[in-house]
Amino acid sequence: MLLSLFILGGSFVLLTGSALLALRWALLTGQLRNSEKAALLVFDEDEPLDEVTDRFPGTTAAPTVDRTVLPRR
């Protein structure tokens, strides 16, 4: 019983400490500064922004995208 609590508590401390160190590193190196630009880094000439290029196996046409903006309530 005591050993399992020790292992559980130690794991909690190690995981929490690791997460805090990763967050500190991200803040110090500027990884979280411009999330808008970072979100667009996955797009290039082969897969441009606002163009659906994914297809289901066996189909030829890409699914259509409904860009209708709904009013806020």
N, C-alpha and C. Protein backbone atom coordinates (compact mmCIF):
# COMPACT_ATOMS: atom_id res chain seq x y z
N MET A 1 0.83 -1.20 0.00
CA MET A 1 0.00 0.00 0.00
C MET A 1 0.87 1.26 0.00
N LEU A 2 1.83 1.28 0.91
CA LEU A 2 2.70 2.45 1.01
C LEU A 2 3.58 2.58 -0.23
N LEU A 3 4.03 1.44 -0.77
CA LEU A 3 4.86 1.47 -1.97
C LEU A 3 4.08 2.02 -3.16
N SER A 4 2.83 1.61 -3.30
CA SER A 4 2.03 2.10 -4.42
C SER A 4 1.76 3.60 -4.29
N LEU A 5 1.54 4.10 -3.09
CA LEU A 5 1.36 5.54 -2.89
C LEU A 5 2.64 6.30 -3.21
N PHE A 6 3.78 5.72 -2.85
CA PHE A 6 5.07 6.34 -3.13
C PHE A 6 5.30 6.41 -4.64
N ILE A 7 5.00 5.34 -5.35
CA ILE A 7 5.17 5.32 -6.80
C ILE A 7 4.20 6.29 -7.46
N LEU A 8 2.96 6.31 -7.02
CA LEU A 8 1.96 7.23 -7.58
C LEU A 8 2.33 8.68 -7.32
N GLY A 9 2.73 8.99 -6.10
CA GLY A 9 3.12 10.35 -5.76
C GLY A 9 4.36 10.79 -6.51
N GLY A 10 5.35 9.91 -6.63
CA GLY A 10 6.56 10.23 -7.36
C GLY A 10 6.29 10.45 -8.84
N SER A 11 5.41 9.63 -9.40
CA SER A 11 5.04 9.81 -10.81
C SER A 11 4.35 11.14 -11.01
N PHE A 12 3.47 11.51 -10.10
CA PHE A 12 2.78 12.79 -10.20
C PHE A 12 3.76 13.94 -10.16
N VAL A 13 4.73 13.88 -9.26
CA VAL A 13 5.72 14.96 -9.14
C VAL A 13 6.58 15.03 -10.40
N LEU A 14 7.02 13.88 -10.90
CA LEU A 14 7.86 13.87 -12.10
C LEU A 14 7.12 14.37 -13.33
N LEU A 15 5.89 13.93 -13.53
CA LEU A 15 5.12 14.36 -14.69
C LEU A 15 4.78 15.85 -14.62
N THR A 16 4.39 16.31 -13.46
CA THR A 16 4.08 17.73 -13.29
C THR A 16 5.33 18.59 -13.50
N GLY A 17 6.44 18.14 -12.93
CA GLY A 17 7.69 18.87 -13.11
C GLY A 17 8.12 18.92 -14.56
N SER A 18 7.97 17.80 -15.26
CA SER A 18 8.33 17.76 -16.69
C SER A 18 7.45 18.72 -17.49
N ALA A 19 6.16 18.75 -17.20
CA ALA A 19 5.25 19.64 -17.92
C ALA A 19 5.60 21.10 -17.65
N LEU A 20 5.93 21.43 -16.42
CA LEU A 20 6.29 22.81 -16.09
C LEU A 20 7.61 23.21 -16.75
N LEU A 21 8.57 22.28 -16.80
CA LEU A 21 9.83 22.59 -17.48
C LEU A 21 9.62 22.78 -18.98
N ALA A 22 8.75 21.98 -19.58
CA ALA A 22 8.46 22.13 -21.01
C ALA A 22 7.77 23.46 -21.28
N LEU A 23 6.85 23.85 -20.41
CA LEU A 23 6.18 25.14 -20.56
C LEU A 23 7.17 26.29 -20.41
N ARG A 24 8.07 26.18 -19.45
CA ARG A 24 9.09 27.22 -19.25
C ARG A 24 9.98 27.34 -20.48
N TRP A 25 10.41 26.19 -21.03
CA TRP A 25 11.23 26.20 -22.23
C TRP A 25 10.49 26.87 -23.39
N ALA A 26 9.21 26.53 -23.56
CA ALA A 26 8.42 27.09 -24.66
C ALA A 26 8.28 28.60 -24.51
N LEU A 27 8.09 29.06 -23.30
CA LEU A 27 7.95 30.51 -23.09
C LEU A 27 9.28 31.23 -23.30
N LEU A 28 10.38 30.65 -22.83
CA LEU A 28 11.68 31.31 -22.96
C LEU A 28 12.21 31.33 -24.38
N THR A 29 11.86 30.33 -25.18
CA THR A 29 12.37 30.26 -26.55
C THR A 29 11.40 30.86 -27.57
N GLY A 30 10.25 31.37 -27.12
CA GLY A 30 9.32 32.04 -28.01
C GLY A 30 8.45 31.10 -28.82
N GLN A 31 8.28 29.89 -28.38
CA GLN A 31 7.49 28.92 -29.12
C GLN A 31 6.00 29.29 -29.15
N LEU A 32 5.54 30.07 -28.19
CA LEU A 32 4.11 30.39 -28.08
C LEU A 32 3.80 31.82 -28.52
N ARG A 33 4.75 32.49 -29.15
CA ARG A 33 4.55 33.90 -29.48
C ARG A 33 3.53 34.13 -30.58
N ASN A 34 3.68 33.51 -31.71
CA ASN A 34 2.83 33.81 -32.86
C ASN A 34 2.09 32.55 -33.29
N SER A 35 1.05 32.20 -32.57
CA SER A 35 0.32 30.97 -32.86
C SER A 35 -0.49 31.08 -34.16
N GLU A 36 -0.85 32.29 -34.57
CA GLU A 36 -1.58 32.47 -35.83
C GLU A 36 -0.69 32.04 -37.01
N LYS A 37 0.55 32.47 -37.01
CA LYS A 37 1.47 32.12 -38.09
C LYS A 37 1.82 30.63 -38.03
N ALA A 38 2.01 30.12 -36.84
CA ALA A 38 2.37 28.71 -36.69
C ALA A 38 1.27 27.79 -37.19
N ALA A 39 0.03 28.21 -37.06
CA ALA A 39 -1.09 27.39 -37.53
C ALA A 39 -1.10 27.27 -39.05
N LEU A 40 -0.50 28.22 -39.75
CA LEU A 40 -0.50 28.22 -41.21
C LEU A 40 0.74 27.56 -41.80
N LEU A 41 1.69 27.15 -40.97
CA LEU A 41 2.93 26.56 -41.48
C LEU A 41 2.72 25.22 -42.16
N VAL A 42 1.62 24.54 -41.90
CA VAL A 42 1.38 23.22 -42.49
C VAL A 42 0.92 23.32 -43.94
N PHE A 43 0.58 24.49 -44.42
CA PHE A 43 0.11 24.67 -45.78
C PHE A 43 1.26 25.06 -46.70
N ASP A 44 1.24 24.55 -47.93
CA ASP A 44 2.23 24.91 -48.93
C ASP A 44 1.58 24.92 -50.31
N GLU A 45 2.39 24.91 -51.37
CA GLU A 45 1.85 24.97 -52.73
C GLU A 45 1.04 23.72 -53.08
N ASP A 46 1.45 22.56 -52.54
CA ASP A 46 0.75 21.31 -52.84
C ASP A 46 -0.58 21.20 -52.11
N GLU A 47 -0.69 21.84 -50.99
CA GLU A 47 -1.92 21.81 -50.20
C GLU A 47 -2.20 23.22 -49.69
N PRO A 48 -2.77 24.08 -50.54
CA PRO A 48 -2.97 25.48 -50.17
C PRO A 48 -4.10 25.66 -49.15
N LEU A 49 -4.07 26.80 -48.51
CA LEU A 49 -5.09 27.17 -47.53
C LEU A 49 -6.43 27.34 -48.22
N ASP A 50 -7.50 26.93 -47.59
CA ASP A 50 -8.88 27.04 -48.08
C ASP A 50 -9.16 26.21 -49.33
N GLU A 51 -8.38 25.17 -49.54
CA GLU A 51 -8.67 24.26 -50.65
C GLU A 51 -8.63 22.83 -50.11
N VAL A 52 -9.74 22.12 -50.25
CA VAL A 52 -9.82 20.76 -49.74
C VAL A 52 -9.08 19.83 -50.69
N THR A 53 -8.08 19.13 -50.18
CA THR A 53 -7.32 18.20 -51.00
C THR A 53 -7.44 16.76 -50.51
N ASP A 54 -8.08 16.54 -49.39
CA ASP A 54 -8.25 15.19 -48.85
C ASP A 54 -9.41 14.49 -49.55
N ARG A 55 -9.24 13.19 -49.76
CA ARG A 55 -10.28 12.39 -50.39
C ARG A 55 -10.40 11.06 -49.67
N PHE A 56 -11.58 10.48 -49.71
CA PHE A 56 -11.77 9.13 -49.20
C PHE A 56 -11.27 8.15 -50.25
N PRO A 57 -10.75 7.01 -49.84
CA PRO A 57 -10.30 6.03 -50.82
C PRO A 57 -11.45 5.61 -51.74
N GLY A 58 -11.18 5.54 -53.02
CA GLY A 58 -12.18 5.12 -53.98
C GLY A 58 -13.03 6.25 -54.54
N THR A 59 -12.85 7.47 -54.08
CA THR A 59 -13.62 8.61 -54.61
C THR A 59 -12.68 9.50 -55.42
N THR A 60 -13.24 10.25 -56.34
CA THR A 60 -12.42 11.12 -57.17
C THR A 60 -12.57 12.59 -56.81
N ALA A 61 -13.70 12.99 -56.29
CA ALA A 61 -13.94 14.40 -55.99
C ALA A 61 -13.72 14.67 -54.51
N ALA A 62 -13.17 15.82 -54.23
CA ALA A 62 -12.99 16.25 -52.85
C ALA A 62 -14.34 16.69 -52.30
N PRO A 63 -14.58 16.52 -51.02
CA PRO A 63 -15.85 16.97 -50.46
C PRO A 63 -15.98 18.48 -50.54
N THR A 64 -17.21 18.95 -50.66
CA THR A 64 -17.43 20.39 -50.73
C THR A 64 -17.40 20.97 -49.32
N VAL A 65 -17.02 22.23 -49.26
CA VAL A 65 -16.92 22.92 -47.98
C VAL A 65 -17.99 24.00 -47.94
N ASP A 66 -18.82 23.98 -46.91
CA ASP A 66 -19.85 25.00 -46.74
C ASP A 66 -19.26 26.16 -45.95
N ARG A 67 -19.11 27.30 -46.57
CA ARG A 67 -18.49 28.46 -45.92
C ARG A 67 -19.52 29.50 -45.48
N THR A 68 -20.74 29.06 -45.25
CA THR A 68 -21.79 29.96 -44.82
C THR A 68 -21.52 30.39 -43.38
N VAL A 69 -21.56 31.69 -43.15
CA VAL A 69 -21.36 32.21 -41.82
C VAL A 69 -22.71 32.39 -41.18
N LEU A 70 -22.89 31.72 -40.05
CA LEU A 70 -24.16 31.81 -39.34
C LEU A 70 -24.14 33.02 -38.41
N PRO A 71 -25.28 33.72 -38.29
CA PRO A 71 -25.32 34.88 -37.38
C PRO A 71 -25.24 34.42 -35.93
N ARG A 72 -24.66 35.28 -35.13
CA ARG A 72 -24.59 34.99 -33.69
C ARG A 72 -25.94 35.24 -33.04
N ARG A 73 -26.20 34.48 -32.04
CA ARG A 73 -27.46 34.65 -31.32
C ARG A 73 -27.25 35.34 -30.01
